[in-house]
Amino acid sequence: MKVLVTGAAGFIGMYTVQAMIKQGHHVVGMDNLNDYYMMQLKYDRLVQCGIAYQQCEDGVLIQSTTYSDYRFVKLDLTDQPRLTSLFADEKFDIVINLAGQAGVRYSIENPYAYAQSNLIGFLNLLENCRHYPVKHFVYASSSSVYGMNEKIPYSEDDKTDSPVSLYAATKKSNELMAHAYSKLYKIPTTGMRFFTVYGPWGRPDMAPFLFMTSILKGEPIKVFNHGHMKRDFTYVDDIVEGVVKIANHAPTGEIPFYIYNIGNSHPVDLMDFIKVIENTSGKEAILNMMDMQPGDVTCTYADTSRLEKDFDYKPSTSIEAGIKRFYDWYIQYMK
């Protein structure tokens, strides 16, 4: 089948492209290559997939030199004319949307970036899936939709109508928009609520990367809520395996809409997480204890029973094993 992966130069996007190619699909990757974080990391991810980033021009498909079944296009979700042309030309069977503006704290500083990418861009994809029908539209949601939910672990059936950040609100909006299109136009859609993803090629704005960088440099790390936080850290390979399983099985029924949590189901105390990095790197962290930040939550914890029931799959990489792989990559990449 022919698959579109948006956010293909992103962290999860790069791995998803490679995984779908290995599944035997013909893949088109798409990314706007914005400067939210260091561009070179995005460029190097493209290189991992055989794409010469120096040749990237808006709307122009580039053939991978590594994978015969992979092409890449630099394109923004908000560029509706070019996006429509891409859908009209390619006739996609599956769309995996991993694009969008990420980051909880940045949504407080730059809210309009989230409205454009996560709302307008998402609507553009839905409209194209409507006019150029696909077998399955799969998209990244987030554990942030659970807000300050006091019930743990978080179940897909829990209420998610009290977001504590604009980022979370846009992700919940995506789920509602997808539901509407599934009901109105029978487009099979599945949302994936990711829980704190980490690993090699990870995002430099997230805690694992920030902590690793500061600890190895001997610089202080910011520890919010004075360390009284828990995160359901989930290794990237586990996330992508879930994405692939879900993408290949579209929902059915009167309203072909579904949601899955993808998380490790094993929350880790932030201070324990820091200790694992210390033990792995052989360096001691300098801690700068800080108050809770706006938009943050104290704990995330995924109930993955739905994923286990439907696919006999549960993410299982331990934090020690995952951080070791991340550390080995980091040392090699940053030298």
Foldseek 3Di string as FASTA:
>chain_A
DEEEEEPCLADLNLVLVVVVVVVVYQYEYEYQQDPPDPSVLSCVSVVVQQDNVVPADALDWAQRPVGNRYIYHNYALLPLVSVLVCCVVPLEQEYEYEDADDDFVVCVVPVVSRCRRLPNSLVSVLVSCQVSPYQEYEYEAALQLCAQPPDPDDDPPDDRPDGQGSSSVSSVVSQVVLQVSLQPRVRFYEYEHEWAEDFASHDCVDDLNQLLVCQVVVHADECEQQQQAWTQYFYSVQVSVLVVVDRVDTADDNRNYYYFYATQQDIDRSVVLSVLSCVLVVTDHHYDYYYHDGRDYRYHGHDGVVSCVVPVGHGHDDSNNRSNRRVVNCVVVVD
